[in-house]
Amino acid sequence: MGAGAFVETSGIKHYEGRVTPYVLMTCFVAAMGGLLFGYDLGITGGVTSMDEFLIKFFPRVYKKMKDETHNTNQYCKFDDQILTLFTSSLYLAALIASFFASTITRMMGRKASMFLGGLFFLIGAILNGLAANVEMLIVGRLLLGFGVGFCNQVTILSN
């Protein structure tokens, strides 16, 4: 691996550089930003199908799921607007937060923005862990979404 240089191929100039530990670490951090969404998908899908969770927060869904008289598709048993709001609120909040994260990053810097995203995520996780009702769950998911949106926007930036 030599030093990087400009190389011209087919009339197009591009930079051919080295793969350094810094480049590898940058790619790793950017990948971890995307991992937040995948991790949430896996966890949420498992939790929303747990009997204990449904009994406490979505008893109508649990009753419909356990009702043997209705011969419906497994997915139709989870057809509930509040459950859908719970699931999708994180993604909506992440979308909204990613629009504001770039401006805040420009004003405050990358590290401060990542800290703010982590703080949103931490408060949302605590709120969801202590949730006593569906409203607390949804507010927690919104805060988690802000954290994910901030971190996804900021982690792809290089120093």
C-alpha atoms as a PDB file:
ATOM      1  CA  MET A   1       0.000   0.000   0.000  1.00  0.00           C
ATOM      2  CA  GLY A   2       1.670   3.147  -1.189  1.00  0.00           C
ATOM      3  CA  ALA A   3       0.784   6.769  -0.819  1.00  0.00           C
ATOM      4  CA  GLY A   4      -2.384   7.936  -2.502  1.00  0.00           C
ATOM      5  CA  ALA A   5      -2.221   9.584  -5.882  1.00  0.00           C
ATOM      6  CA  PHE A   6      -4.506  10.984  -8.556  1.00  0.00           C
ATOM      7  CA  VAL A   7      -4.969   8.438 -11.308  1.00  0.00           C
ATOM      8  CA  GLU A   8      -6.581   9.086 -14.678  1.00  0.00           C
ATOM      9  CA  THR A   9      -8.578   6.266 -16.235  1.00  0.00           C
ATOM     10  CA  SER A  10     -10.777   6.781 -19.281  1.00  0.00           C
ATOM     11  CA  GLY A  11     -10.443  10.539 -18.965  1.00  0.00           C
ATOM     12  CA  ILE A  12     -11.789  10.559 -15.393  1.00  0.00           C
ATOM     13  CA  LYS A  13      -9.515  11.594 -12.538  1.00  0.00           C
ATOM     14  CA  HIS A  14     -10.073   9.904  -9.223  1.00  0.00           C
ATOM     15  CA  TYR A  15      -8.091   9.590  -6.039  1.00  0.00           C
ATOM     16  CA  GLU A  16      -6.630   6.194  -5.341  1.00  0.00           C
ATOM     17  CA  GLY A  17      -5.708   6.150  -1.676  1.00  0.00           C
ATOM     18  CA  ARG A  18      -4.564   3.842   1.019  1.00  0.00           C
ATOM     19  CA  VAL A  19      -6.728   1.867   3.390  1.00  0.00           C
ATOM     20  CA  THR A  20      -5.515   3.155   6.736  1.00  0.00           C
ATOM     21  CA  PRO A  21      -6.699   2.358  10.250  1.00  0.00           C
ATOM     22  CA  TYR A  22      -8.447   5.762  10.245  1.00  0.00           C
ATOM     23  CA  VAL A  23     -10.383   4.853   7.086  1.00  0.00           C
ATOM     24  CA  LEU A  24     -11.341   1.475   8.553  1.00  0.00           C
ATOM     25  CA  MET A  25     -12.484   3.067  11.814  1.00  0.00           C
ATOM     26  CA  THR A  26     -14.512   5.684   9.914  1.00  0.00           C
ATOM     27  CA  CYS A  27     -16.263   2.925   7.944  1.00  0.00           C
ATOM     28  CA  PHE A  28     -16.916   1.000  11.160  1.00  0.00           C
ATOM     29  CA  VAL A  29     -18.472   4.027  12.898  1.00  0.00           C
ATOM     30  CA  ALA A  30     -20.655   4.781   9.857  1.00  0.00           C
ATOM     31  CA  ALA A  31     -21.838   1.160   9.778  1.00  0.00           C
ATOM     32  CA  MET A  32     -22.722   1.313  13.481  1.00  0.00           C
ATOM     33  CA  GLY A  33     -24.987   4.282  12.731  1.00  0.00           C
ATOM     34  CA  GLY A  34     -26.991   2.114  10.336  1.00  0.00           C
ATOM     35  CA  LEU A  35     -26.950  -0.769  12.776  1.00  0.00           C
ATOM     36  CA  LEU A  36     -29.179   1.219  15.146  1.00  0.00           C
ATOM     37  CA  PHE A  37     -32.127   0.818  12.775  1.00  0.00           C
ATOM     38  CA  GLY A  38     -31.584  -2.912  12.278  1.00  0.00           C
ATOM     39  CA  TYR A  39     -31.177  -3.517  15.988  1.00  0.00           C
ATOM     40  CA  ASP A  40     -34.387  -1.658  16.722  1.00  0.00           C
ATOM     41  CA  LEU A  41     -36.275  -3.629  14.074  1.00  0.00           C
ATOM     42  CA  GLY A  42     -35.164  -6.920  15.592  1.00  0.00           C
ATOM     43  CA  ILE A  43     -35.896  -5.968  19.179  1.00  0.00           C
ATOM     44  CA  THR A  44     -39.250  -4.288  18.497  1.00  0.00           C
ATOM     45  CA  GLY A  45     -40.512  -7.197  16.408  1.00  0.00           C
ATOM     46  CA  GLY A  46     -39.725  -9.623  19.198  1.00  0.00           C
ATOM     47  CA  VAL A  47     -41.104  -7.476  21.998  1.00  0.00           C
ATOM     48  CA  THR A  48     -44.395  -6.659  20.275  1.00  0.00           C
ATOM     49  CA  SER A  49     -45.182 -10.351  19.947  1.00  0.00           C
ATOM     50  CA  MET A  50     -44.432 -11.175  23.616  1.00  0.00           C
ATOM     51  CA  ASP A  51     -47.511 -12.116  25.630  1.00  0.00           C
ATOM     52  CA  GLU A  52     -46.449 -10.142  28.725  1.00  0.00           C
ATOM     53  CA  PHE A  53     -45.939  -6.965  26.695  1.00  0.00           C
ATOM     54  CA  LEU A  54     -49.264  -7.298  24.893  1.00  0.00           C
ATOM     55  CA  ILE A  55     -51.185  -8.078  28.097  1.00  0.00           C
ATOM     56  CA  LYS A  56     -49.798  -4.978  29.834  1.00  0.00           C
ATOM     57  CA  PHE A  57     -49.939  -2.423  27.021  1.00  0.00           C
ATOM     58  CA  PHE A  58     -52.165  -3.822  24.255  1.00  0.00           C
ATOM     59  CA  PRO A  59     -54.759  -6.150  25.824  1.00  0.00           C
ATOM     60  CA  ARG A  60     -57.105  -5.892  22.817  1.00  0.00           C
ATOM     61  CA  VAL A  61     -54.354  -7.135  20.511  1.00  0.00           C
ATOM     62  CA  TYR A  62     -53.549  -9.964  22.912  1.00  0.00           C
ATOM     63  CA  LYS A  63     -57.202 -10.988  23.073  1.00  0.00           C
ATOM     64  CA  LYS A  64     -57.495 -10.924  19.287  1.00  0.00           C
ATOM     65  CA  MET A  65     -54.260 -12.914  18.980  1.00  0.00           C
ATOM     66  CA  LYS A  66     -55.488 -15.636  21.346  1.00  0.00           C
ATOM     67  CA  ASP A  67     -59.036 -15.760  19.947  1.00  0.00           C
ATOM     68  CA  GLU A  68     -59.400 -19.097  18.177  1.00  0.00           C
ATOM     69  CA  THR A  69     -62.870 -18.352  16.785  1.00  0.00           C
ATOM     70  CA  HIS A  70     -61.523 -15.976  14.146  1.00  0.00           C
ATOM     71  CA  ASN A  71     -59.655 -17.783  11.431  1.00  0.00           C
ATOM     72  CA  THR A  72     -57.436 -14.881  10.370  1.00  0.00           C
ATOM     73  CA  ASN A  73     -53.918 -14.415   9.158  1.00  0.00           C
ATOM     74  CA  GLN A  74     -51.293 -14.142  11.934  1.00  0.00           C
ATOM     75  CA  TYR A  75     -50.440 -10.587  10.882  1.00  0.00           C
ATOM     76  CA  CYS A  76     -54.073  -9.450  10.960  1.00  0.00           C
ATOM     77  CA  LYS A  77     -54.170 -10.280  14.654  1.00  0.00           C
ATOM     78  CA  PHE A  78     -51.688  -7.447  15.247  1.00  0.00           C
ATOM     79  CA  ASP A  79     -53.847  -4.947  13.346  1.00  0.00           C
ATOM     80  CA  ASP A  80     -54.125  -2.101  15.859  1.00  0.00           C
ATOM     81  CA  GLN A  81     -53.536   1.608  15.213  1.00  0.00           C
ATOM     82  CA  ILE A  82     -51.922   2.310  18.585  1.00  0.00           C
ATOM     83  CA  LEU A  83     -49.558  -0.669  18.194  1.00  0.00           C
ATOM     84  CA  THR A  84     -48.710   0.616  14.721  1.00  0.00           C
ATOM     85  CA  LEU A  85     -48.093   4.088  16.179  1.00  0.00           C
ATOM     86  CA  PHE A  86     -45.823   2.551  18.819  1.00  0.00           C
ATOM     87  CA  THR A  87     -43.819   0.710  16.171  1.00  0.00           C
ATOM     88  CA  SER A  88     -43.572   3.482  13.589  1.00  0.00           C
ATOM     89  CA  SER A  89     -43.042   6.448  15.929  1.00  0.00           C
ATOM     90  CA  LEU A  90     -39.306   5.769  16.114  1.00  0.00           C
ATOM     91  CA  TYR A  91     -38.917   5.875  12.338  1.00  0.00           C
ATOM     92  CA  LEU A  92     -40.972   9.034  11.970  1.00  0.00           C
ATOM     93  CA  ALA A  93     -38.968  10.767  14.713  1.00  0.00           C
ATOM     94  CA  ALA A  94     -35.690   9.604  13.139  1.00  0.00           C
ATOM     95  CA  LEU A  95     -36.738  11.061   9.807  1.00  0.00           C
ATOM     96  CA  ILE A  96     -37.611  14.414  11.375  1.00  0.00           C
ATOM     97  CA  ALA A  97     -34.468  14.494  13.529  1.00  0.00           C
ATOM     98  CA  SER A  98     -32.182  13.765  10.590  1.00  0.00           C
ATOM     99  CA  PHE A  99     -33.341  17.009   8.930  1.00  0.00           C
ATOM    100  CA  PHE A 100     -32.406  19.072  12.001  1.00  0.00           C
ATOM    101  CA  ALA A 101     -29.244  17.151  12.861  1.00  0.00           C
ATOM    102  CA  SER A 102     -27.256  18.571   9.939  1.00  0.00           C
ATOM    103  CA  THR A 103     -27.990  22.159  10.965  1.00  0.00           C
ATOM    104  CA  ILE A 104     -27.218  21.454  14.614  1.00  0.00           C
ATOM    105  CA  THR A 105     -24.019  19.654  13.620  1.00  0.00           C
ATOM    106  CA  ARG A 106     -22.942  22.667  11.556  1.00  0.00           C
ATOM    107  CA  MET A 107     -23.600  24.972  14.529  1.00  0.00           C
ATOM    108  CA  MET A 108     -22.363  22.808  17.423  1.00  0.00           C
ATOM    109  CA  GLY A 109     -19.969  20.349  15.820  1.00  0.00           C
ATOM    110  CA  ARG A 110     -20.024  16.617  15.229  1.00  0.00           C
ATOM    111  CA  LYS A 111     -19.138  15.456  18.740  1.00  0.00           C
ATOM    112  CA  ALA A 112     -21.764  17.637  20.396  1.00  0.00           C
ATOM    113  CA  SER A 113     -24.395  16.372  17.943  1.00  0.00           C
ATOM    114  CA  MET A 114     -23.469  12.752  18.591  1.00  0.00           C
ATOM    115  CA  PHE A 115     -23.640  13.442  22.319  1.00  0.00           C
ATOM    116  CA  LEU A 116     -27.077  15.013  21.903  1.00  0.00           C
ATOM    117  CA  GLY A 117     -28.258  12.008  19.872  1.00  0.00           C
ATOM    118  CA  GLY A 118     -26.917   9.652  22.529  1.00  0.00           C
ATOM    119  CA  LEU A 119     -28.658  11.671  25.229  1.00  0.00           C
ATOM    120  CA  PHE A 120     -31.986  11.431  23.367  1.00  0.00           C
ATOM    121  CA  PHE A 121     -31.451   7.703  22.987  1.00  0.00           C
ATOM    122  CA  LEU A 122     -30.568   7.241  26.677  1.00  0.00           C
ATOM    123  CA  ILE A 123     -33.597   9.180  27.950  1.00  0.00           C
ATOM    124  CA  GLY A 124     -35.876   7.314  25.525  1.00  0.00           C
ATOM    125  CA  ALA A 125     -34.508   3.947  26.632  1.00  0.00           C
ATOM    126  CA  ILE A 126     -34.979   4.818  30.306  1.00  0.00           C
ATOM    127  CA  LEU A 127     -38.515   6.046  29.634  1.00  0.00           C
ATOM    128  CA  ASN A 128     -39.388   2.868  27.742  1.00  0.00           C
ATOM    129  CA  GLY A 129     -37.850   0.722  30.458  1.00  0.00           C
ATOM    130  CA  LEU A 130     -39.931   2.433  33.123  1.00  0.00           C
ATOM    131  CA  ALA A 131     -43.097   2.763  31.011  1.00  0.00           C
ATOM    132  CA  ALA A 132     -46.333   2.303  32.905  1.00  0.00           C
ATOM    133  CA  ASN A 133     -48.670   3.047  29.997  1.00  0.00           C
ATOM    134  CA  VAL A 134     -48.784   3.274  26.211  1.00  0.00           C
ATOM    135  CA  GLU A 135     -48.254   7.043  26.202  1.00  0.00           C
ATOM    136  CA  MET A 136     -44.917   6.658  27.994  1.00  0.00           C
ATOM    137  CA  LEU A 137     -43.943   3.975  25.489  1.00  0.00           C
ATOM    138  CA  ILE A 138     -44.694   6.221  22.528  1.00  0.00           C
ATOM    139  CA  VAL A 139     -42.884   9.245  23.999  1.00  0.00           C
ATOM    140  CA  GLY A 140     -39.914   6.984  24.735  1.00  0.00           C
ATOM    141  CA  ARG A 141     -39.967   5.670  21.165  1.00  0.00           C
ATOM    142  CA  LEU A 142     -40.068   9.234  19.835  1.00  0.00           C
ATOM    143  CA  LEU A 143     -36.986  10.110  21.893  1.00  0.00           C
ATOM    144  CA  LEU A 144     -35.269   6.932  20.702  1.00  0.00           C
ATOM    145  CA  GLY A 145     -36.112   8.002  17.161  1.00  0.00           C
ATOM    146  CA  PHE A 146     -34.565  11.427  17.676  1.00  0.00           C
ATOM    147  CA  GLY A 147     -31.430   9.723  18.956  1.00  0.00           C
ATOM    148  CA  VAL A 148     -31.274   7.317  16.035  1.00  0.00           C
ATOM    149  CA  GLY A 149     -31.941  10.113  13.529  1.00  0.00           C
ATOM    150  CA  PHE A 150     -29.214  12.314  14.977  1.00  0.00           C
ATOM    151  CA  CYS A 151     -26.665   9.532  15.127  1.00  0.00           C
ATOM    152  CA  ASN A 152     -27.471   8.283  11.623  1.00  0.00           C
ATOM    153  CA  GLN A 153     -27.030  11.765  10.213  1.00  0.00           C
ATOM    154  CA  VAL A 154     -23.856  12.546  12.113  1.00  0.00           C
ATOM    155  CA  THR A 155     -21.947   9.244  12.026  1.00  0.00           C
ATOM    156  CA  ILE A 156     -21.502   9.343   8.258  1.00  0.00           C
ATOM    157  CA  LEU A 157     -19.639  12.651   8.421  1.00  0.00           C
ATOM    158  CA  SER A 158     -15.876  12.516   8.424  1.00  0.00           C
ATOM    159  CA  ASN A 159     -13.639  14.781  10.425  1.00  0.00           C
END
